Amino acid sequence: MSEREQMTLDMVKNLALLLQEDNPSLTMEQALSMVINSDTYQRILNDDTQLYYQSPRYVYSFLSGELKTGKI
């Protein structure tokens, strides 16, 4: 596994944990599904954005906004 792939997986895990922190009723499966089905996730996968290098809280601000408004 490459460093980028590992960083991406860590970011997804951390975003799911942050979702659970804000919404304690979510299961890990639900939180991961929300992350993976988001536009934010697609941006994390995009090498041009390099979001996988950013802090999870910074990226979570995008995800949280997307989930509240439906847009990034």
PDB file of N, CA and C in Angstrom:
ATOM      1  N   MET A   1       0.848  -1.168   0.000  1.00  0.00           N
ATOM      2  CA  MET A   1       0.000   0.000   0.000  1.00  0.00           C
ATOM      3  C   MET A   1       0.897   1.236   0.000  1.00  0.00           C
ATOM      4  N   SER A   2       0.545   2.187  -0.841  1.00  0.00           N
ATOM      5  CA  SER A   2       1.343   3.411  -0.930  1.00  0.00           C
ATOM      6  C   SER A   2       1.030   4.349   0.242  1.00  0.00           C
ATOM      7  N   GLU A   3       1.893   5.312   0.414  1.00  0.00           N
ATOM      8  CA  GLU A   3       1.699   6.293   1.483  1.00  0.00           C
ATOM      9  C   GLU A   3       0.400   7.075   1.268  1.00  0.00           C
ATOM     10  N   ARG A   4       0.114   7.440   0.023  1.00  0.00           N
ATOM     11  CA  ARG A   4      -1.103   8.186  -0.295  1.00  0.00           C
ATOM     12  C   ARG A   4      -2.352   7.369   0.031  1.00  0.00           C
ATOM     13  N   GLU A   5      -2.319   6.083  -0.314  1.00  0.00           N
ATOM     14  CA  GLU A   5      -3.460   5.215  -0.019  1.00  0.00           C
ATOM     15  C   GLU A   5      -3.667   5.096   1.490  1.00  0.00           C
ATOM     16  N   GLN A   6      -2.575   4.966   2.233  1.00  0.00           N
ATOM     17  CA  GLN A   6      -2.679   4.872   3.688  1.00  0.00           C
ATOM     18  C   GLN A   6      -3.223   6.164   4.286  1.00  0.00           C
ATOM     19  N   MET A   7      -2.754   7.295   3.776  1.00  0.00           N
ATOM     20  CA  MET A   7      -3.231   8.590   4.276  1.00  0.00           C
ATOM     21  C   MET A   7      -4.722   8.771   3.963  1.00  0.00           C
ATOM     22  N   THR A   8      -5.134   8.307   2.796  1.00  0.00           N
ATOM     23  CA  THR A   8      -6.549   8.396   2.416  1.00  0.00           C
ATOM     24  C   THR A   8      -7.408   7.537   3.337  1.00  0.00           C
ATOM     25  N   LEU A   9      -6.975   6.320   3.601  1.00  0.00           N
ATOM     26  CA  LEU A   9      -7.723   5.440   4.498  1.00  0.00           C
ATOM     27  C   LEU A   9      -7.799   6.011   5.912  1.00  0.00           C
ATOM     28  N   ASP A  10      -6.691   6.572   6.377  1.00  0.00           N
ATOM     29  CA  ASP A  10      -6.688   7.200   7.704  1.00  0.00           C
ATOM     30  C   ASP A  10      -7.645   8.380   7.756  1.00  0.00           C
ATOM     31  N   MET A  11      -7.683   9.156   6.685  1.00  0.00           N
ATOM     32  CA  MET A  11      -8.583  10.316   6.632  1.00  0.00           C
ATOM     33  C   MET A  11     -10.036   9.853   6.697  1.00  0.00           C
ATOM     34  N   VAL A  12     -10.376   8.833   5.940  1.00  0.00           N
ATOM     35  CA  VAL A  12     -11.752   8.318   5.939  1.00  0.00           C
ATOM     36  C   VAL A  12     -12.132   7.827   7.339  1.00  0.00           C
ATOM     37  N   LYS A  13     -11.240   7.084   7.959  1.00  0.00           N
ATOM     38  CA  LYS A  13     -11.494   6.580   9.323  1.00  0.00           C
ATOM     39  C   LYS A  13     -11.700   7.751  10.290  1.00  0.00           C
ATOM     40  N   ASN A  14     -10.821   8.753  10.220  1.00  0.00           N
ATOM     41  CA  ASN A  14     -10.931   9.896  11.129  1.00  0.00           C
ATOM     42  C   ASN A  14     -12.194  10.710  10.884  1.00  0.00           C
ATOM     43  N   LEU A  15     -12.588  10.857   9.628  1.00  0.00           N
ATOM     44  CA  LEU A  15     -13.834  11.569   9.328  1.00  0.00           C
ATOM     45  C   LEU A  15     -15.036  10.811   9.892  1.00  0.00           C
ATOM     46  N   ALA A  16     -15.018   9.491   9.766  1.00  0.00           N
ATOM     47  CA  ALA A  16     -16.108   8.683  10.319  1.00  0.00           C
ATOM     48  C   ALA A  16     -16.161   8.825  11.837  1.00  0.00           C
ATOM     49  N   LEU A  17     -15.001   8.841  12.481  1.00  0.00           N
ATOM     50  CA  LEU A  17     -14.960   9.019  13.940  1.00  0.00           C
ATOM     51  C   LEU A  17     -15.485  10.394  14.343  1.00  0.00           C
ATOM     52  N   LEU A  18     -15.154  11.421  13.570  1.00  0.00           N
ATOM     53  CA  LEU A  18     -15.661  12.761  13.862  1.00  0.00           C
ATOM     54  C   LEU A  18     -17.180  12.827  13.672  1.00  0.00           C
ATOM     55  N   LEU A  19     -17.680  12.144  12.653  1.00  0.00           N
ATOM     56  CA  LEU A  19     -19.136  12.075  12.461  1.00  0.00           C
ATOM     57  C   LEU A  19     -19.807  11.424  13.664  1.00  0.00           C
ATOM     58  N   GLN A  20     -19.212  10.353  14.152  1.00  0.00           N
ATOM     59  CA  GLN A  20     -19.768   9.668  15.327  1.00  0.00           C
ATOM     60  C   GLN A  20     -19.688  10.550  16.571  1.00  0.00           C
ATOM     61  N   GLU A  21     -18.631  11.326  16.663  1.00  0.00           N
ATOM     62  CA  GLU A  21     -18.482  12.236  17.801  1.00  0.00           C
ATOM     63  C   GLU A  21     -19.607  13.271  17.811  1.00  0.00           C
ATOM     64  N   ASP A  22     -19.946  13.785  16.621  1.00  0.00           N
ATOM     65  CA  ASP A  22     -21.025  14.774  16.517  1.00  0.00           C
ATOM     66  C   ASP A  22     -22.414  14.146  16.542  1.00  0.00           C
ATOM     67  N   ASN A  23     -22.500  12.877  16.159  1.00  0.00           N
ATOM     68  CA  ASN A  23     -23.781  12.163  16.094  1.00  0.00           C
ATOM     69  C   ASN A  23     -23.618  10.796  16.753  1.00  0.00           C
ATOM     70  N   PRO A  24     -23.667  10.739  18.074  1.00  0.00           N
ATOM     71  CA  PRO A  24     -23.398   9.484  18.787  1.00  0.00           C
ATOM     72  C   PRO A  24     -24.304   8.311  18.399  1.00  0.00           C
ATOM     73  N   SER A  25     -25.447   8.588  17.806  1.00  0.00           N
ATOM     74  CA  SER A  25     -26.347   7.495  17.437  1.00  0.00           C
ATOM     75  C   SER A  25     -25.898   6.773  16.162  1.00  0.00           C
ATOM     76  N   LEU A  26     -24.940   7.344  15.415  1.00  0.00           N
ATOM     77  CA  LEU A  26     -24.459   6.696  14.189  1.00  0.00           C
ATOM     78  C   LEU A  26     -23.575   5.497  14.518  1.00  0.00           C
ATOM     79  N   THR A  27     -23.761   4.439  13.770  1.00  0.00           N
ATOM     80  CA  THR A  27     -22.831   3.312  13.869  1.00  0.00           C
ATOM     81  C   THR A  27     -21.617   3.632  12.994  1.00  0.00           C
ATOM     82  N   MET A  28     -20.545   2.901  13.200  1.00  0.00           N
ATOM     83  CA  MET A  28     -19.356   3.110  12.363  1.00  0.00           C
ATOM     84  C   MET A  28     -19.681   2.832  10.904  1.00  0.00           C
ATOM     85  N   GLU A  29     -20.483   1.812  10.653  1.00  0.00           N
ATOM     86  CA  GLU A  29     -20.870   1.486   9.281  1.00  0.00           C
ATOM     87  C   GLU A  29     -21.619   2.649   8.634  1.00  0.00           C
ATOM     88  N   GLN A  30     -22.545   3.254   9.358  1.00  0.00           N
ATOM     89  CA  GLN A  30     -23.300   4.396   8.828  1.00  0.00           C
ATOM     90  C   GLN A  30     -22.381   5.587   8.570  1.00  0.00           C
ATOM     91  N   ALA A  31     -21.484   5.851   9.511  1.00  0.00           N
ATOM     92  CA  ALA A  31     -20.571   6.975   9.374  1.00  0.00           C
ATOM     93  C   ALA A  31     -19.636   6.775   8.176  1.00  0.00           C
ATOM     94  N   LEU A  32     -19.099   5.575   8.019  1.00  0.00           N
ATOM     95  CA  LEU A  32     -18.233   5.294   6.874  1.00  0.00           C
ATOM     96  C   LEU A  32     -18.995   5.431   5.558  1.00  0.00           C
ATOM     97  N   SER A  33     -20.230   4.966   5.546  1.00  0.00           N
ATOM     98  CA  SER A  33     -21.058   5.080   4.352  1.00  0.00           C
ATOM     99  C   SER A  33     -21.292   6.549   3.986  1.00  0.00           C
ATOM    100  N   MET A  34     -21.540   7.368   4.983  1.00  0.00           N
ATOM    101  CA  MET A  34     -21.753   8.800   4.738  1.00  0.00           C
ATOM    102  C   MET A  34     -20.501   9.438   4.148  1.00  0.00           C
ATOM    103  N   VAL A  35     -19.350   9.065   4.662  1.00  0.00           N
ATOM    104  CA  VAL A  35     -18.091   9.618   4.147  1.00  0.00           C
ATOM    105  C   VAL A  35     -17.864   9.155   2.718  1.00  0.00           C
ATOM    106  N   ILE A  36     -17.963   7.857   2.489  1.00  0.00           N
ATOM    107  CA  ILE A  36     -17.644   7.281   1.182  1.00  0.00           C
ATOM    108  C   ILE A  36     -18.616   7.734   0.092  1.00  0.00           C
ATOM    109  N   ASN A  37     -19.833   8.051   0.463  1.00  0.00           N
ATOM    110  CA  ASN A  37     -20.825   8.488  -0.523  1.00  0.00           C
ATOM    111  C   ASN A  37     -20.890  10.002  -0.678  1.00  0.00           C
ATOM    112  N   SER A  38     -19.905  10.706  -0.166  1.00  0.00           N
ATOM    113  CA  SER A  38     -19.919  12.166  -0.215  1.00  0.00           C
ATOM    114  C   SER A  38     -19.037  12.708  -1.347  1.00  0.00           C
ATOM    115  N   ASP A  39     -19.318  13.947  -1.743  1.00  0.00           N
ATOM    116  CA  ASP A  39     -18.443  14.638  -2.692  1.00  0.00           C
ATOM    117  C   ASP A  39     -17.090  14.921  -2.049  1.00  0.00           C
ATOM    118  N   THR A  40     -17.092  15.119  -0.743  1.00  0.00           N
ATOM    119  CA  THR A  40     -15.836  15.352  -0.031  1.00  0.00           C
ATOM    120  C   THR A  40     -14.893  14.164  -0.233  1.00  0.00           C
ATOM    121  N   TYR A  41     -15.426  12.968  -0.172  1.00  0.00           N
ATOM    122  CA  TYR A  41     -14.611  11.765  -0.390  1.00  0.00           C
ATOM    123  C   TYR A  41     -14.004  11.782  -1.792  1.00  0.00           C
ATOM    124  N   GLN A  42     -14.794  12.166  -2.777  1.00  0.00           N
ATOM    125  CA  GLN A  42     -14.277  12.233  -4.144  1.00  0.00           C
ATOM    126  C   GLN A  42     -13.141  13.248  -4.236  1.00  0.00           C
ATOM    127  N   ARG A  43     -13.251  14.316  -3.487  1.00  0.00           N
ATOM    128  CA  ARG A  43     -12.184  15.323  -3.472  1.00  0.00           C
ATOM    129  C   ARG A  43     -10.946  14.805  -2.748  1.00  0.00           C
ATOM    130  N   ILE A  44     -11.146  13.986  -1.733  1.00  0.00           N
ATOM    131  CA  ILE A  44     -10.000  13.374  -1.041  1.00  0.00           C
ATOM    132  C   ILE A  44      -9.249  12.467  -2.005  1.00  0.00           C
ATOM    133  N   LEU A  45      -9.968  11.746  -2.841  1.00  0.00           N
ATOM    134  CA  LEU A  45      -9.349  10.830  -3.806  1.00  0.00           C
ATOM    135  C   LEU A  45      -8.635  11.554  -4.943  1.00  0.00           C
ATOM    136  N   ASN A  46      -9.010  12.803  -5.182  1.00  0.00           N
ATOM    137  CA  ASN A  46      -8.434  13.587  -6.268  1.00  0.00           C
ATOM    138  C   ASN A  46      -7.039  14.076  -5.863  1.00  0.00           C
ATOM    139  N   ASP A  47      -6.022  13.655  -6.599  1.00  0.00           N
ATOM    140  CA  ASP A  47      -4.645  14.046  -6.286  1.00  0.00           C
ATOM    141  C   ASP A  47      -4.431  15.556  -6.381  1.00  0.00           C
ATOM    142  N   ASP A  48      -5.216  16.234  -7.206  1.00  0.00           N
ATOM    143  CA  ASP A  48      -5.047  17.682  -7.367  1.00  0.00           C
ATOM    144  C   ASP A  48      -5.389  18.453  -6.097  1.00  0.00           C
ATOM    145  N   THR A  49      -6.356  17.966  -5.322  1.00  0.00           N
ATOM    146  CA  THR A  49      -6.760  18.680  -4.099  1.00  0.00           C
ATOM    147  C   THR A  49      -5.818  18.411  -2.935  1.00  0.00           C
ATOM    148  N   GLN A  50      -5.223  17.228  -2.915  1.00  0.00           N
ATOM    149  CA  GLN A  50      -4.329  16.790  -1.843  1.00  0.00           C
ATOM    150  C   GLN A  50      -4.964  16.949  -0.454  1.00  0.00           C
ATOM    151  N   LEU A  51      -6.269  16.738  -0.376  1.00  0.00           N
ATOM    152  CA  LEU A  51      -6.947  16.838   0.919  1.00  0.00           C
ATOM    153  C   LEU A  51      -6.476  15.779   1.900  1.00  0.00           C
ATOM    154  N   TYR A  52      -5.955  14.683   1.405  1.00  0.00           N
ATOM    155  CA  TYR A  52      -5.472  13.630   2.306  1.00  0.00           C
ATOM    156  C   TYR A  52      -4.273  14.093   3.128  1.00  0.00           C
ATOM    157  N   TYR A  53      -3.636  15.212   2.730  1.00  0.00           N
ATOM    158  CA  TYR A  53      -2.515  15.781   3.495  1.00  0.00           C
ATOM    159  C   TYR A  53      -2.987  16.727   4.602  1.00  0.00           C
ATOM    160  N   GLN A  54      -4.239  17.116   4.561  1.00  0.00           N
ATOM    161  CA  GLN A  54      -4.758  18.098   5.518  1.00  0.00           C
ATOM    162  C   GLN A  54      -5.175  17.424   6.824  1.00  0.00           C
ATOM    163  N   SER A  55      -5.463  18.243   7.807  1.00  0.00           N
ATOM    164  CA  SER A  55      -5.912  17.691   9.087  1.00  0.00           C
ATOM    165  C   SER A  55      -7.347  17.180   8.946  1.00  0.00           C
ATOM    166  N   PRO A  56      -7.692  16.127   9.675  1.00  0.00           N
ATOM    167  CA  PRO A  56      -9.058  15.602   9.592  1.00  0.00           C
ATOM    168  C   PRO A  56     -10.120  16.648   9.960  1.00  0.00           C
ATOM    169  N   ARG A  57      -9.843  17.487  10.933  1.00  0.00           N
ATOM    170  CA  ARG A  57     -10.830  18.512  11.317  1.00  0.00           C
ATOM    171  C   ARG A  57     -11.076  19.509  10.194  1.00  0.00           C
ATOM    172  N   TYR A  58     -10.014  19.862   9.467  1.00  0.00           N
ATOM    173  CA  TYR A  58     -10.155  20.774   8.334  1.00  0.00           C
ATOM    174  C   TYR A  58     -11.043  20.138   7.264  1.00  0.00           C
ATOM    175  N   VAL A  59     -10.755  18.903   6.903  1.00  0.00           N
ATOM    176  CA  VAL A  59     -11.544  18.210   5.883  1.00  0.00           C
ATOM    177  C   VAL A  59     -12.967  17.966   6.396  1.00  0.00           C
ATOM    178  N   TYR A  60     -13.096  17.725   7.707  1.00  0.00           N
ATOM    179  CA  TYR A  60     -14.424  17.501   8.287  1.00  0.00           C
ATOM    180  C   TYR A  60     -15.303  18.741   8.128  1.00  0.00           C
ATOM    181  N   SER A  61     -14.695  19.922   8.133  1.00  0.00           N
ATOM    182  CA  SER A  61     -15.493  21.133   7.949  1.00  0.00           C
ATOM    183  C   SER A  61     -16.181  21.115   6.584  1.00  0.00           C
ATOM    184  N   PHE A  62     -15.507  20.586   5.562  1.00  0.00           N
ATOM    185  CA  PHE A  62     -16.126  20.446   4.243  1.00  0.00           C
ATOM    186  C   PHE A  62     -17.240  19.401   4.277  1.00  0.00           C
ATOM    187  N   LEU A  63     -16.949  18.256   4.883  1.00  0.00           N
ATOM    188  CA  LEU A  63     -17.930  17.173   4.950  1.00  0.00           C
ATOM    189  C   LEU A  63     -19.167  17.607   5.733  1.00  0.00           C
ATOM    190  N   SER A  64     -18.948  18.242   6.858  1.00  0.00           N
ATOM    191  CA  SER A  64     -20.064  18.692   7.689  1.00  0.00           C
ATOM    192  C   SER A  64     -20.943  19.674   6.937  1.00  0.00           C
ATOM    193  N   GLY A  65     -20.315  20.621   6.254  1.00  0.00           N
ATOM    194  CA  GLY A  65     -21.081  21.574   5.455  1.00  0.00           C
ATOM    195  C   GLY A  65     -21.839  20.904   4.341  1.00  0.00           C
ATOM    196  N   GLU A  66     -21.200  19.932   3.704  1.00  0.00           N
ATOM    197  CA  GLU A  66     -21.863  19.196   2.620  1.00  0.00           C
ATOM    198  C   GLU A  66     -23.072  18.441   3.140  1.00  0.00           C
ATOM    199  N   LEU A  67     -22.942  17.795   4.290  1.00  0.00           N
ATOM    200  CA  LEU A  67     -24.048  17.022   4.831  1.00  0.00           C
ATOM    201  C   LEU A  67     -25.200  17.916   5.275  1.00  0.00           C
ATOM    202  N   LYS A  68     -24.881  19.126   5.724  1.00  0.00           N
ATOM    203  CA  LYS A  68     -25.940  20.059   6.158  1.00  0.00           C
ATOM    204  C   LYS A  68     -26.651  20.722   4.984  1.00  0.00           C
ATOM    205  N   THR A  69     -25.885  21.060   3.935  1.00  0.00           N
ATOM    206  CA  THR A  69     -26.468  21.834   2.823  1.00  0.00           C
ATOM    207  C   THR A  69     -26.639  21.042   1.540  1.00  0.00           C
ATOM    208  N   GLY A  70     -25.949  19.924   1.441  1.00  0.00           N
ATOM    209  CA  GLY A  70     -25.986  19.144   0.209  1.00  0.00           C
ATOM    210  C   GLY A  70     -24.970  19.612  -0.813  1.00  0.00           C
ATOM    211  N   LYS A  71     -24.160  20.623  -0.434  1.00  0.00           N
ATOM    212  CA  LYS A  71     -23.140  21.167  -1.342  1.00  0.00           C
ATOM    213  C   LYS A  71     -21.851  21.375  -0.570  1.00  0.00           C
ATOM    214  N   ILE A  72     -20.752  21.376  -1.312  1.00  0.00           N
ATOM    215  CA  ILE A  72     -19.458  21.710  -0.687  1.00  0.00           C
ATOM    216  C   ILE A  72     -19.278  23.199  -0.755  1.00  0.00           C
TER     217      ILE A  72
END
